[in-house]
Structure formats: C-alpha cells, structure tokens
C-alpha cells in the first residue's frame, strides 16, 4: 500500500488537523506494515500559486511549452505522480476563513490535468 500524507495547517504543533492525520497514517501503517508513506507538508513547504508558467507546465503538451514551462514541468509533474501512485490519500484540511488553506488549493490545482486525470 502506498499512502500519500498531505498536511496543510500552518499552526505547527498546535494543529489539531496535523494530530488527526498523523493518527490516521499511524493506524494505516499498523494495519499494513509494508505500507510506504510519502509526506508532503504544504504548511511549511507550500507550492506556488498557479501562474502562466506553472499552468503551462502542468497542462500543455511539451511541444507547446515555453522553455520556462519545460524547466518547471518535472517538478510540477512530481506532485501529480505522488497522487497517482497513492492507494490512499490522507489530507489534513483545516478550515481557515471558512475554506481550505490556499496552500492546499495550490496542491489540488496540480491534480486536474487534461488527458491524465
């Protein structure tokens, strides 16, 4: 089993959401000792918000990409590849101002890829 563990709270050790996701992942690992975990902390290492270069790197075929888009493509694709490789995704989504954190939205924006997802 491949587990993708996403945290997005910016409140560090005070985060209830982080405590909950950690317990969920611990339980999954206890039930599946051979499970691997990929961890992405969007609270401390946020992804950039979409801009023309990132959008093109995610969505355009290589022949339509600028050099900047081509340079960004592998890094941007890694986010999607982590998601596609996961059997289980555990997402820590605290509520900030009645919505999810923008850093989590930036991650979600990388998952909708034409002809892939």
PDB file of N, CA and C in Angstrom:
ATOM      1  N   UNK A   1       0.845  -1.181   0.000  1.00  0.00           N
ATOM      2  CA  UNK A   1       0.000   0.000   0.000  1.00  0.00           C
ATOM      3  C   UNK A   1       0.887   1.241   0.000  1.00  0.00           C
ATOM      4  N   UNK A   2       0.542   2.193  -0.859  1.00  0.00           N
ATOM      5  CA  UNK A   2       1.217   3.483  -0.902  1.00  0.00           C
ATOM      6  C   UNK A   2       0.287   4.531  -0.319  1.00  0.00           C
ATOM      7  N   UNK A   3       0.774   5.231   0.694  1.00  0.00           N
ATOM      8  CA  UNK A   3      -0.003   6.259   1.383  1.00  0.00           C
ATOM      9  C   UNK A   3       0.601   7.614   1.061  1.00  0.00           C
ATOM     10  N   UNK A   4      -0.225   8.530   0.618  1.00  0.00           N
ATOM     11  CA  UNK A   4       0.188   9.917   0.435  1.00  0.00           C
ATOM     12  C   UNK A   4      -0.417  10.712   1.571  1.00  0.00           C
ATOM     13  N   UNK A   5       0.445  11.313   2.386  1.00  0.00           N
ATOM     14  CA  UNK A   5       0.030  12.066   3.581  1.00  0.00           C
ATOM     15  C   UNK A   5       0.280  13.545   3.296  1.00  0.00           C
ATOM     16  N   UNK A   6      -0.798  14.307   3.254  1.00  0.00           N
ATOM     17  CA  UNK A   6      -0.736  15.742   2.971  1.00  0.00           C
ATOM     18  C   UNK A   6      -1.159  16.505   4.220  1.00  0.00           C
ATOM     19  N   UNK A   7      -0.307  17.375   4.721  1.00  0.00           N
ATOM     20  CA  UNK A   7      -0.675  18.310   5.777  1.00  0.00           C
ATOM     21  C   UNK A   7      -0.623  19.715   5.195  1.00  0.00           C
ATOM     22  N   UNK A   8      -1.559  20.565   5.640  1.00  0.00           N
ATOM     23  CA  UNK A   8      -1.578  21.927   5.113  1.00  0.00           C
ATOM     24  C   UNK A   8      -1.753  22.992   6.192  1.00  0.00           C
ATOM     25  N   UNK A   9      -1.880  22.573   7.445  1.00  0.00           N
ATOM     26  CA  UNK A   9      -2.049  23.543   8.527  1.00  0.00           C
ATOM     27  C   UNK A   9      -0.769  24.338   8.737  1.00  0.00           C
ATOM     28  N   UNK A  10      -0.935  25.602   9.023  1.00  0.00           N
ATOM     29  CA  UNK A  10       0.213  26.483   9.259  1.00  0.00           C
ATOM     30  C   UNK A  10       0.432  26.736  10.747  1.00  0.00           C
ATOM     31  N   UNK A  11      -0.278  25.995  11.592  1.00  0.00           N
ATOM     32  CA  UNK A  11      -0.211  26.227  13.027  1.00  0.00           C
ATOM     33  C   UNK A  11       0.761  25.298  13.753  1.00  0.00           C
ATOM     34  N   UNK A  12       1.550  24.556  13.023  1.00  0.00           N
ATOM     35  CA  UNK A  12       2.600  23.727  13.615  1.00  0.00           C
ATOM     36  C   UNK A  12       2.079  22.733  14.631  1.00  0.00           C
ATOM     37  N   UNK A  13       2.778  22.620  15.756  1.00  0.00           N
ATOM     38  CA  UNK A  13       2.447  21.629  16.782  1.00  0.00           C
ATOM     39  C   UNK A  13       1.076  21.876  17.407  1.00  0.00           C
ATOM     40  N   UNK A  14       0.531  23.060  17.273  1.00  0.00           N
ATOM     41  CA  UNK A  14      -0.786  23.365  17.842  1.00  0.00           C
ATOM     42  C   UNK A  14      -1.934  22.885  16.951  1.00  0.00           C
ATOM     43  N   UNK A  15      -1.621  22.329  15.804  1.00  0.00           N
ATOM     44  CA  UNK A  15      -2.639  21.933  14.841  1.00  0.00           C
ATOM     45  C   UNK A  15      -3.335  20.635  15.233  1.00  0.00           C
ATOM     46  N   UNK A  16      -4.644  20.716  15.399  1.00  0.00           N
ATOM     47  CA  UNK A  16      -5.448  19.515  15.633  1.00  0.00           C
ATOM     48  C   UNK A  16      -5.492  18.675  14.357  1.00  0.00           C
ATOM     49  N   UNK A  17      -5.563  19.328  13.217  1.00  0.00           N
ATOM     50  CA  UNK A  17      -5.607  18.624  11.943  1.00  0.00           C
ATOM     51  C   UNK A  17      -4.366  17.757  11.751  1.00  0.00           C
ATOM     52  N   UNK A  18      -3.192  18.284  12.072  1.00  0.00           N
ATOM     53  CA  UNK A  18      -1.957  17.503  11.949  1.00  0.00           C
ATOM     54  C   UNK A  18      -1.982  16.290  12.884  1.00  0.00           C
ATOM     55  N   UNK A  19      -2.497  16.470  14.080  1.00  0.00           N
ATOM     56  CA  UNK A  19      -2.585  15.344  15.016  1.00  0.00           C
ATOM     57  C   UNK A  19      -3.517  14.265  14.473  1.00  0.00           C
ATOM     58  N   UNK A  20      -4.627  14.677  13.884  1.00  0.00           N
ATOM     59  CA  UNK A  20      -5.573  13.711  13.322  1.00  0.00           C
ATOM     60  C   UNK A  20      -4.977  12.954  12.139  1.00  0.00           C
ATOM     61  N   UNK A  21      -4.334  13.659  11.221  1.00  0.00           N
ATOM     62  CA  UNK A  21      -3.763  12.957  10.066  1.00  0.00           C
ATOM     63  C   UNK A  21      -2.653  12.012  10.504  1.00  0.00           C
ATOM     64  N   UNK A  22      -1.866  12.406  11.492  1.00  0.00           N
ATOM     65  CA  UNK A  22      -0.800  11.527  11.990  1.00  0.00           C
ATOM     66  C   UNK A  22      -1.392  10.242  12.571  1.00  0.00           C
ATOM     67  N   UNK A  23      -2.483  10.361  13.319  1.00  0.00           N
ATOM     68  CA  UNK A  23      -3.133   9.169  13.888  1.00  0.00           C
ATOM     69  C   UNK A  23      -3.693   8.268  12.796  1.00  0.00           C
ATOM     70  N   UNK A  24      -4.271   8.858  11.787  1.00  0.00           N
ATOM     71  CA  UNK A  24      -4.813   8.072  10.671  1.00  0.00           C
ATOM     72  C   UNK A  24      -3.698   7.320   9.961  1.00  0.00           C
ATOM     73  N   UNK A  25      -2.606   8.017   9.661  1.00  0.00           N
ATOM     74  CA  UNK A  25      -1.484   7.368   8.980  1.00  0.00           C
ATOM     75  C   UNK A  25      -0.863   6.294   9.868  1.00  0.00           C
ATOM     76  N   UNK A  26      -0.733   6.556  11.149  1.00  0.00           N
ATOM     77  CA  UNK A  26      -0.203   5.543  12.076  1.00  0.00           C
ATOM     78  C   UNK A  26      -1.073   4.286  12.061  1.00  0.00           C
ATOM     79  N   UNK A  27      -2.384   4.449  12.057  1.00  0.00           N
ATOM     80  CA  UNK A  27      -3.294   3.311  12.017  1.00  0.00           C
ATOM     81  C   UNK A  27      -3.162   2.543  10.707  1.00  0.00           C
ATOM     82  N   UNK A  28      -3.078   3.267   9.603  1.00  0.00           N
ATOM     83  CA  UNK A  28      -2.911   2.610   8.304  1.00  0.00           C
ATOM     84  C   UNK A  28      -1.614   1.815   8.257  1.00  0.00           C
ATOM     85  N   UNK A  29      -0.547   2.399   8.797  1.00  0.00           N
ATOM     86  CA  UNK A  29       0.740   1.694   8.824  1.00  0.00           C
ATOM     87  C   UNK A  29       0.695   0.484   9.750  1.00  0.00           C
ATOM     88  N   UNK A  30       0.023   0.598  10.878  1.00  0.00           N
ATOM     89  CA  UNK A  30      -0.097  -0.540  11.800  1.00  0.00           C
ATOM     90  C   UNK A  30      -0.866  -1.688  11.139  1.00  0.00           C
ATOM     91  N   UNK A  31      -1.891  -1.360  10.389  1.00  0.00           N
ATOM     92  CA  UNK A  31      -2.692  -2.375   9.704  1.00  0.00           C
ATOM     93  C   UNK A  31      -2.011  -2.914   8.449  1.00  0.00           C
ATOM     94  N   UNK A  32      -1.050  -2.164   7.925  1.00  0.00           N
ATOM     95  CA  UNK A  32      -0.349  -2.535   6.685  1.00  0.00           C
ATOM     96  C   UNK A  32       1.135  -2.286   6.877  1.00  0.00           C
ATOM     97  N   UNK A  33       1.833  -3.193   7.575  1.00  0.00           N
ATOM     98  CA  UNK A  33       3.232  -2.957   7.941  1.00  0.00           C
ATOM     99  C   UNK A  33       4.176  -2.685   6.759  1.00  0.00           C
ATOM    100  N   UNK A  34       3.815  -3.158   5.582  1.00  0.00           N
ATOM    101  CA  UNK A  34       4.663  -2.937   4.407  1.00  0.00           C
ATOM    102  C   UNK A  34       4.334  -1.629   3.677  1.00  0.00           C
ATOM    103  N   UNK A  35       3.418  -0.868   4.223  1.00  0.00           N
ATOM    104  CA  UNK A  35       2.998   0.375   3.567  1.00  0.00           C
ATOM    105  C   UNK A  35       4.156   1.363   3.491  1.00  0.00           C
ATOM    106  N   UNK A  36       4.175   2.099   2.406  1.00  0.00           N
ATOM    107  CA  UNK A  36       5.123   3.205   2.261  1.00  0.00           C
ATOM    108  C   UNK A  36       4.337   4.503   2.383  1.00  0.00           C
ATOM    109  N   UNK A  37       5.001   5.521   2.912  1.00  0.00           N
ATOM    110  CA  UNK A  37       4.351   6.815   3.109  1.00  0.00           C
ATOM    111  C   UNK A  37       5.179   7.896   2.416  1.00  0.00           C
ATOM    112  N   UNK A  38       4.513   8.670   1.601  1.00  0.00           N
ATOM    113  CA  UNK A  38       5.088   9.893   1.047  1.00  0.00           C
ATOM    114  C   UNK A  38       4.402  11.033   1.769  1.00  0.00           C
ATOM    115  N   UNK A  39       5.204  11.913   2.359  1.00  0.00           N
ATOM    116  CA  UNK A  39       4.669  13.006   3.162  1.00  0.00           C
ATOM    117  C   UNK A  39       4.970  14.332   2.490  1.00  0.00           C
ATOM    118  N   UNK A  40       3.933  15.156   2.381  1.00  0.00           N
ATOM    119  CA  UNK A  40       4.101  16.499   1.827  1.00  0.00           C
ATOM    120  C   UNK A  40       3.482  17.471   2.809  1.00  0.00           C
ATOM    121  N   UNK A  41       4.305  18.403   3.296  1.00  0.00           N
ATOM    122  CA  UNK A  41       3.845  19.401   4.264  1.00  0.00           C
ATOM    123  C   UNK A  41       3.691  20.739   3.554  1.00  0.00           C
ATOM    124  N   UNK A  42       2.478  21.028   3.170  1.00  0.00           N
ATOM    125  CA  UNK A  42       2.187  22.268   2.449  1.00  0.00           C
ATOM    126  C   UNK A  42       2.169  23.475   3.369  1.00  0.00           C
ATOM    127  N   UNK A  43       2.082  23.234   4.669  1.00  0.00           N
ATOM    128  CA  UNK A  43       2.113  24.331   5.631  1.00  0.00           C
ATOM    129  C   UNK A  43       3.492  24.936   5.765  1.00  0.00           C
ATOM    130  N   UNK A  44       4.517  24.089   5.708  1.00  0.00           N
ATOM    131  CA  UNK A  44       5.894  24.582   5.840  1.00  0.00           C
ATOM    132  C   UNK A  44       6.620  24.687   4.506  1.00  0.00           C
ATOM    133  N   UNK A  45       6.150  23.939   3.506  1.00  0.00           N
ATOM    134  CA  UNK A  45       6.756  23.993   2.170  1.00  0.00           C
ATOM    135  C   UNK A  45       5.643  24.138   1.132  1.00  0.00           C
ATOM    136  N   UNK A  46       5.023  25.308   1.071  1.00  0.00           N
ATOM    137  CA  UNK A  46       3.895  25.490   0.153  1.00  0.00           C
ATOM    138  C   UNK A  46       4.338  25.491  -1.306  1.00  0.00           C
ATOM    139  N   UNK A  47       3.429  25.045  -2.143  1.00  0.00           N
ATOM    140  CA  UNK A  47       3.637  25.145  -3.588  1.00  0.00           C
ATOM    141  C   UNK A  47       3.248  26.554  -4.023  1.00  0.00           C
ATOM    142  N   UNK A  48       3.853  27.014  -5.074  1.00  0.00           N
ATOM    143  CA  UNK A  48       3.493  28.331  -5.610  1.00  0.00           C
ATOM    144  C   UNK A  48       2.063  28.295  -6.143  1.00  0.00           C
ATOM    145  N   UNK A  49       1.401  29.428  -6.081  1.00  0.00           N
ATOM    146  CA  UNK A  49       0.084  29.518  -6.696  1.00  0.00           C
ATOM    147  C   UNK A  49       0.254  29.479  -8.215  1.00  0.00           C
ATOM    148  N   UNK A  50      -0.802  29.090  -8.890  1.00  0.00           N
ATOM    149  CA  UNK A  50      -0.717  28.988 -10.344  1.00  0.00           C
ATOM    150  C   UNK A  50      -0.362  30.333 -10.969  1.00  0.00           C
ATOM    151  N   UNK A  51       0.449  30.248 -12.000  1.00  0.00           N
ATOM    152  CA  UNK A  51       0.799  31.387 -12.843  1.00  0.00           C
ATOM    153  C   UNK A  51       0.912  30.826 -14.257  1.00  0.00           C
ATOM    154  N   UNK A  52       1.157  31.648 -15.269  1.00  0.00           N
ATOM    155  CA  UNK A  52       1.192  31.117 -16.636  1.00  0.00           C
ATOM    156  C   UNK A  52       2.239  30.017 -16.853  1.00  0.00           C
ATOM    157  N   UNK A  53       3.388  30.127 -16.223  1.00  0.00           N
ATOM    158  CA  UNK A  53       4.428  29.111 -16.401  1.00  0.00           C
ATOM    159  C   UNK A  53       4.001  27.780 -15.783  1.00  0.00           C
ATOM    160  N   UNK A  54       3.516  27.816 -14.555  1.00  0.00           N
ATOM    161  CA  UNK A  54       3.094  26.582 -13.884  1.00  0.00           C
ATOM    162  C   UNK A  54       1.903  25.964 -14.605  1.00  0.00           C
ATOM    163  N   UNK A  55       0.943  26.768 -14.980  1.00  0.00           N
ATOM    164  CA  UNK A  55      -0.221  26.244 -15.688  1.00  0.00           C
ATOM    165  C   UNK A  55       0.200  25.555 -16.980  1.00  0.00           C
ATOM    166  N   UNK A  56       1.072  26.183 -17.736  1.00  0.00           N
ATOM    167  CA  UNK A  56       1.553  25.568 -18.978  1.00  0.00           C
ATOM    168  C   UNK A  56       2.347  24.301 -18.721  1.00  0.00           C
ATOM    169  N   UNK A  57       3.168  24.308 -17.669  1.00  0.00           N
ATOM    170  CA  UNK A  57       3.973  23.130 -17.333  1.00  0.00           C
ATOM    171  C   UNK A  57       3.086  21.955 -16.959  1.00  0.00           C
ATOM    172  N   UNK A  58       1.945  22.229 -16.360  1.00  0.00           N
ATOM    173  CA  UNK A  58       1.025  21.173 -15.933  1.00  0.00           C
ATOM    174  C   UNK A  58       0.143  20.710 -17.094  1.00  0.00           C
ATOM    175  N   UNK A  59      -0.329  21.631 -17.897  1.00  0.00           N
ATOM    176  CA  UNK A  59      -1.420  21.321 -18.818  1.00  0.00           C
ATOM    177  C   UNK A  59      -1.066  21.240 -20.299  1.00  0.00           C
ATOM    178  N   UNK A  60       0.033  21.857 -20.712  1.00  0.00           N
ATOM    179  CA  UNK A  60       0.329  21.894 -22.143  1.00  0.00           C
ATOM    180  C   UNK A  60       1.127  20.675 -22.579  1.00  0.00           C
ATOM    181  N   UNK A  61       0.916  20.214 -23.811  1.00  0.00           N
ATOM    182  CA  UNK A  61       1.834  19.206 -24.346  1.00  0.00           C
ATOM    183  C   UNK A  61       3.221  19.834 -24.507  1.00  0.00           C
ATOM    184  N   UNK A  62       4.255  19.024 -24.403  1.00  0.00           N
ATOM    185  CA  UNK A  62       5.625  19.554 -24.403  1.00  0.00           C
ATOM    186  C   UNK A  62       5.908  20.449 -25.602  1.00  0.00           C
ATOM    187  N   UNK A  63       5.374  20.104 -26.751  1.00  0.00           N
ATOM    188  CA  UNK A  63       5.663  20.906 -27.957  1.00  0.00           C
ATOM    189  C   UNK A  63       5.073  22.314 -27.878  1.00  0.00           C
ATOM    190  N   UNK A  64       4.115  22.535 -26.991  1.00  0.00           N
ATOM    191  CA  UNK A  64       3.511  23.861 -26.838  1.00  0.00           C
ATOM    192  C   UNK A  64       4.079  24.643 -25.653  1.00  0.00           C
ATOM    193  N   UNK A  65       5.035  24.056 -24.944  1.00  0.00           N
ATOM    194  CA  UNK A  65       5.605  24.709 -23.763  1.00  0.00           C
ATOM    195  C   UNK A  65       6.731  25.654 -24.128  1.00  0.00           C
ATOM    196  N   UNK A  66       6.820  26.744 -23.357  1.00  0.00           N
ATOM    197  CA  UNK A  66       7.979  27.616 -23.454  1.00  0.00           C
ATOM    198  C   UNK A  66       9.144  26.942 -22.725  1.00  0.00           C
ATOM    199  N   UNK A  67      10.331  27.511 -22.852  1.00  0.00           N
ATOM    200  CA  UNK A  67      11.484  26.954 -22.139  1.00  0.00           C
ATOM    201  C   UNK A  67      11.265  26.990 -20.621  1.00  0.00           C
ATOM    202  N   UNK A  68      10.657  28.054 -20.127  1.00  0.00           N
ATOM    203  CA  UNK A  68      10.373  28.144 -18.685  1.00  0.00           C
ATOM    204  C   UNK A  68       9.398  27.056 -18.241  1.00  0.00           C
ATOM    205  N   UNK A  69       8.397  26.797 -19.048  1.00  0.00           N
ATOM    206  CA  UNK A  69       7.438  25.739 -18.729  1.00  0.00           C
ATOM    207  C   UNK A  69       8.120  24.375 -18.722  1.00  0.00           C
ATOM    208  N   UNK A  70       8.966  24.126 -19.706  1.00  0.00           N
ATOM    209  CA  UNK A  70       9.701  22.855 -19.766  1.00  0.00           C
ATOM    210  C   UNK A  70      10.586  22.686 -18.537  1.00  0.00           C
ATOM    211  N   UNK A  71      11.203  23.771 -18.094  1.00  0.00           N
ATOM    212  CA  UNK A  71      12.064  23.705 -16.912  1.00  0.00           C
ATOM    213  C   UNK A  71      11.260  23.385 -15.657  1.00  0.00           C
ATOM    214  N   UNK A  72      10.023  23.823 -15.596  1.00  0.00           N
ATOM    215  CA  UNK A  72       9.180  23.602 -14.419  1.00  0.00           C
ATOM    216  C   UNK A  72       8.421  22.283 -14.470  1.00  0.00           C
ATOM    217  N   UNK A  73       8.323  21.673 -15.625  1.00  0.00           N
ATOM    218  CA  UNK A  73       7.425  20.531 -15.825  1.00  0.00           C
ATOM    219  C   UNK A  73       7.725  19.353 -14.901  1.00  0.00           C
ATOM    220  N   UNK A  74       8.969  18.971 -14.740  1.00  0.00           N
ATOM    221  CA  UNK A  74       9.289  17.793 -13.916  1.00  0.00           C
ATOM    222  C   UNK A  74       8.899  18.009 -12.454  1.00  0.00           C
ATOM    223  N   UNK A  75       9.190  19.180 -11.934  1.00  0.00           N
ATOM    224  CA  UNK A  75       8.841  19.481 -10.548  1.00  0.00           C
ATOM    225  C   UNK A  75       7.331  19.484 -10.367  1.00  0.00           C
ATOM    226  N   UNK A  76       6.620  20.077 -11.302  1.00  0.00           N
ATOM    227  CA  UNK A  76       5.160  20.139 -11.218  1.00  0.00           C
ATOM    228  C   UNK A  76       4.549  18.752 -11.393  1.00  0.00           C
ATOM    229  N   UNK A  77       5.100  17.950 -12.273  1.00  0.00           N
ATOM    230  CA  UNK A  77       4.574  16.605 -12.521  1.00  0.00           C
ATOM    231  C   UNK A  77       4.761  15.698 -11.306  1.00  0.00           C
ATOM    232  N   UNK A  78       5.813  15.960 -10.517  1.00  0.00           N
ATOM    233  CA  UNK A  78       6.073  15.139  -9.329  1.00  0.00           C
ATOM    234  C   UNK A  78       4.877  15.154  -8.385  1.00  0.00           C
ATOM    235  N   UNK A  79       4.232  16.290  -8.248  1.00  0.00           N
ATOM    236  CA  UNK A  79       3.064  16.408  -7.365  1.00  0.00           C
ATOM    237  C   UNK A  79       1.962  15.463  -7.854  1.00  0.00           C
ATOM    238  N   UNK A  80       1.694  15.475  -9.149  1.00  0.00           N
ATOM    239  CA  UNK A  80       0.668  14.603  -9.706  1.00  0.00           C
ATOM    240  C   UNK A  80       1.086  13.139  -9.600  1.00  0.00           C
ATOM    241  N   UNK A  81       2.343  12.839  -9.867  1.00  0.00           N
ATOM    242  CA  UNK A  81       2.816  11.452  -9.791  1.00  0.00           C
ATOM    243  C   UNK A  81       2.688  10.882  -8.381  1.00  0.00           C
ATOM    244  N   UNK A  82       2.953  11.704  -7.358  1.00  0.00           N
ATOM    245  CA  UNK A  82       2.753  11.258  -5.972  1.00  0.00           C
ATOM    246  C   UNK A  82       1.299  10.866  -5.746  1.00  0.00           C
ATOM    247  N   UNK A  83       0.403  11.679  -6.253  1.00  0.00           N
ATOM    248  CA  UNK A  83      -1.028  11.420  -6.103  1.00  0.00           C
ATOM    249  C   UNK A  83      -1.440  10.160  -6.855  1.00  0.00           C
ATOM    250  N   UNK A  84      -1.015  10.021  -8.092  1.00  0.00           N
ATOM    251  CA  UNK A  84      -1.404   8.870  -8.900  1.00  0.00           C
ATOM    252  C   UNK A  84      -0.837   7.559  -8.357  1.00  0.00           C
ATOM    253  N   UNK A  85       0.312   7.610  -7.700  1.00  0.00           N
ATOM    254  CA  UNK A  85       0.943   6.410  -7.154  1.00  0.00           C
ATOM    255  C   UNK A  85       0.310   5.960  -5.839  1.00  0.00           C
ATOM    256  N   UNK A  86      -0.498   6.816  -5.238  1.00  0.00           N
ATOM    257  CA  UNK A  86      -1.065   6.523  -3.919  1.00  0.00           C
ATOM    258  C   UNK A  86      -2.283   5.611  -4.026  1.00  0.00           C
ATOM    259  N   UNK A  87      -2.332   4.656  -3.095  1.00  0.00           N
ATOM    260  CA  UNK A  87      -3.528   3.843  -2.929  1.00  0.00           C
ATOM    261  C   UNK A  87      -4.497   4.538  -1.974  1.00  0.00           C
ATOM    262  N   UNK A  88      -3.935   5.278  -1.028  1.00  0.00           N
ATOM    263  CA  UNK A  88      -4.714   6.015  -0.030  1.00  0.00           C
ATOM    264  C   UNK A  88      -4.111   7.409   0.084  1.00  0.00           C
ATOM    265  N   UNK A  89      -4.966   8.414   0.135  1.00  0.00           N
ATOM    266  CA  UNK A  89      -4.515   9.789   0.329  1.00  0.00           C
ATOM    267  C   UNK A  89      -5.157  10.309   1.612  1.00  0.00           C
ATOM    268  N   UNK A  90      -4.317  10.755   2.536  1.00  0.00           N
ATOM    269  CA  UNK A  90      -4.781  11.336   3.797  1.00  0.00           C
ATOM    270  C   UNK A  90      -4.487  12.833   3.714  1.00  0.00           C
ATOM    271  N   UNK A  91      -5.544  13.631   3.745  1.00  0.00           N
ATOM    272  CA  UNK A  91      -5.398  15.075   3.555  1.00  0.00           C
ATOM    273  C   UNK A  91      -5.823  15.801   4.820  1.00  0.00           C
ATOM    274  N   UNK A  92      -4.899  16.568   5.376  1.00  0.00           N
ATOM    275  CA  UNK A  92      -5.201  17.440   6.501  1.00  0.00           C
ATOM    276  C   UNK A  92      -5.675  18.773   5.970  1.00  0.00           C
ATOM    277  N   UNK A  93      -6.966  19.047   6.151  1.00  0.00           N
ATOM    278  CA  UNK A  93      -7.567  20.258   5.590  1.00  0.00           C
ATOM    279  C   UNK A  93      -8.248  21.066   6.696  1.00  0.00           C
ATOM    280  N   UNK A  94      -7.487  21.907   7.382  1.00  0.00           N
ATOM    281  CA  UNK A  94      -8.120  22.761   8.381  1.00  0.00           C
ATOM    282  C   UNK A  94      -9.000  23.805   7.701  1.00  0.00           C
ATOM    283  N   UNK A  95      -9.872  24.407   8.473  1.00  0.00           N
ATOM    284  CA  UNK A  95     -10.713  25.459   7.934  1.00  0.00           C
ATOM    285  C   UNK A  95     -10.141  26.815   8.341  1.00  0.00           C
ATOM    286  N   UNK A  96      -9.763  27.591   7.340  1.00  0.00           N
ATOM    287  CA  UNK A  96      -9.294  28.955   7.550  1.00  0.00           C
ATOM    288  C   UNK A  96     -10.260  29.880   6.821  1.00  0.00           C
ATOM    289  N   UNK A  97     -10.841  30.811   7.530  1.00  0.00           N
ATOM    290  CA  UNK A  97     -11.761  31.781   6.923  1.00  0.00           C
ATOM    291  C   UNK A  97     -12.859  31.089   6.122  1.00  0.00           C
ATOM    292  N   UNK A  98     -13.391  30.006   6.671  1.00  0.00           N
ATOM    293  CA  UNK A  98     -14.497  29.259   6.093  1.00  0.00           C
ATOM    294  C   UNK A  98     -14.143  28.522   4.802  1.00  0.00           C
ATOM    295  N   UNK A  99     -12.880  28.220   4.596  1.00  0.00           N
ATOM    296  CA  UNK A  99     -12.464  27.457   3.420  1.00  0.00           C
ATOM    297  C   UNK A  99     -11.157  26.733   3.738  1.00  0.00           C
ATOM    298  N   UNK A 100     -10.637  26.007   2.782  1.00  0.00           N
ATOM    299  CA  UNK A 100      -9.361  25.331   2.982  1.00  0.00           C
ATOM    300  C   UNK A 100      -8.224  26.341   2.809  1.00  0.00           C
ATOM    301  N   UNK A 101      -7.046  26.032   3.330  1.00  0.00           N
ATOM    302  CA  UNK A 101      -5.903  26.931   3.140  1.00  0.00           C
ATOM    303  C   UNK A 101      -5.542  27.035   1.653  1.00  0.00           C
ATOM    304  N   UNK A 102      -5.067  28.190   1.272  1.00  0.00           N
ATOM    305  CA  UNK A 102      -4.703  28.382  -0.137  1.00  0.00           C
ATOM    306  C   UNK A 102      -3.555  27.466  -0.549  1.00  0.00           C
ATOM    307  N   UNK A 103      -2.706  27.077   0.409  1.00  0.00           N
ATOM    308  CA  UNK A 103      -1.612  26.164   0.047  1.00  0.00           C
ATOM    309  C   UNK A 103      -2.163  24.793  -0.346  1.00  0.00           C
ATOM    310  N   UNK A 104      -3.260  24.360   0.255  1.00  0.00           N
ATOM    311  CA  UNK A 104      -3.892  23.105  -0.144  1.00  0.00           C
ATOM    312  C   UNK A 104      -4.555  23.257  -1.509  1.00  0.00           C
ATOM    313  N   UNK A 105      -5.172  24.387  -1.745  1.00  0.00           N
ATOM    314  CA  UNK A 105      -5.774  24.649  -3.061  1.00  0.00           C
ATOM    315  C   UNK A 105      -4.712  24.614  -4.151  1.00  0.00           C
ATOM    316  N   UNK A 106      -3.527  25.131  -3.870  1.00  0.00           N
ATOM    317  CA  UNK A 106      -2.439  25.098  -4.857  1.00  0.00           C
ATOM    318  C   UNK A 106      -2.053  23.666  -5.195  1.00  0.00           C
ATOM    319  N   UNK A 107      -2.088  22.783  -4.200  1.00  0.00           N
ATOM    320  CA  UNK A 107      -1.801  21.365  -4.445  1.00  0.00           C
ATOM    321  C   UNK A 107      -2.907  20.755  -5.307  1.00  0.00           C
ATOM    322  N   UNK A 108      -4.162  21.021  -4.942  1.00  0.00           N
ATOM    323  CA  UNK A 108      -5.296  20.485  -5.695  1.00  0.00           C
ATOM    324  C   UNK A 108      -5.257  20.954  -7.144  1.00  0.00           C
ATOM    325  N   UNK A 109      -4.848  22.198  -7.378  1.00  0.00           N
ATOM    326  CA  UNK A 109      -4.782  22.738  -8.737  1.00  0.00           C
ATOM    327  C   UNK A 109      -3.859  21.922  -9.646  1.00  0.00           C
ATOM    328  N   UNK A 110      -2.909  21.229  -9.087  1.00  0.00           N
ATOM    329  CA  UNK A 110      -1.966  20.442  -9.876  1.00  0.00           C
ATOM    330  C   UNK A 110      -2.484  19.057 -10.226  1.00  0.00           C
ATOM    331  N   UNK A 111      -3.651  18.690  -9.701  1.00  0.00           N
ATOM    332  CA  UNK A 111      -4.187  17.348  -9.931  1.00  0.00           C
ATOM    333  C   UNK A 111      -5.128  17.265 -11.129  1.00  0.00           C
ATOM    334  N   UNK A 112      -5.669  18.379 -11.554  1.00  0.00           N
ATOM    335  CA  UNK A 112      -6.577  18.384 -12.701  1.00  0.00           C
ATOM    336  C   UNK A 112      -5.777  18.630 -13.973  1.00  0.00           C
ATOM    337  N   UNK A 113      -5.403  17.546 -14.635  1.00  0.00           N
ATOM    338  CA  UNK A 113      -4.539  17.650 -15.815  1.00  0.00           C
ATOM    339  C   UNK A 113      -5.257  17.043 -17.025  1.00  0.00           C
ATOM    340  N   UNK A 114      -5.479  17.839 -18.055  1.00  0.00           N
ATOM    341  CA  UNK A 114      -6.142  17.316 -19.257  1.00  0.00           C
ATOM    342  C   UNK A 114      -5.433  16.062 -19.783  1.00  0.00           C
ATOM    343  N   UNK A 115      -6.238  15.099 -20.198  1.00  0.00           N
ATOM    344  CA  UNK A 115      -5.770  13.833 -20.780  1.00  0.00           C
ATOM    345  C   UNK A 115      -5.047  12.936 -19.775  1.00  0.00           C
ATOM    346  N   UNK A 116      -5.027  13.327 -18.484  1.00  0.00           N
ATOM    347  CA  UNK A 116      -4.380  12.494 -17.470  1.00  0.00           C
ATOM    348  C   UNK A 116      -5.342  12.144 -16.334  1.00  0.00           C
ATOM    349  N   UNK A 117      -6.000  13.154 -15.776  1.00  0.00           N
ATOM    350  CA  UNK A 117      -6.907  12.899 -14.659  1.00  0.00           C
ATOM    351  C   UNK A 117      -8.323  13.310 -15.015  1.00  0.00           C
TER     352      UNK A 117
END
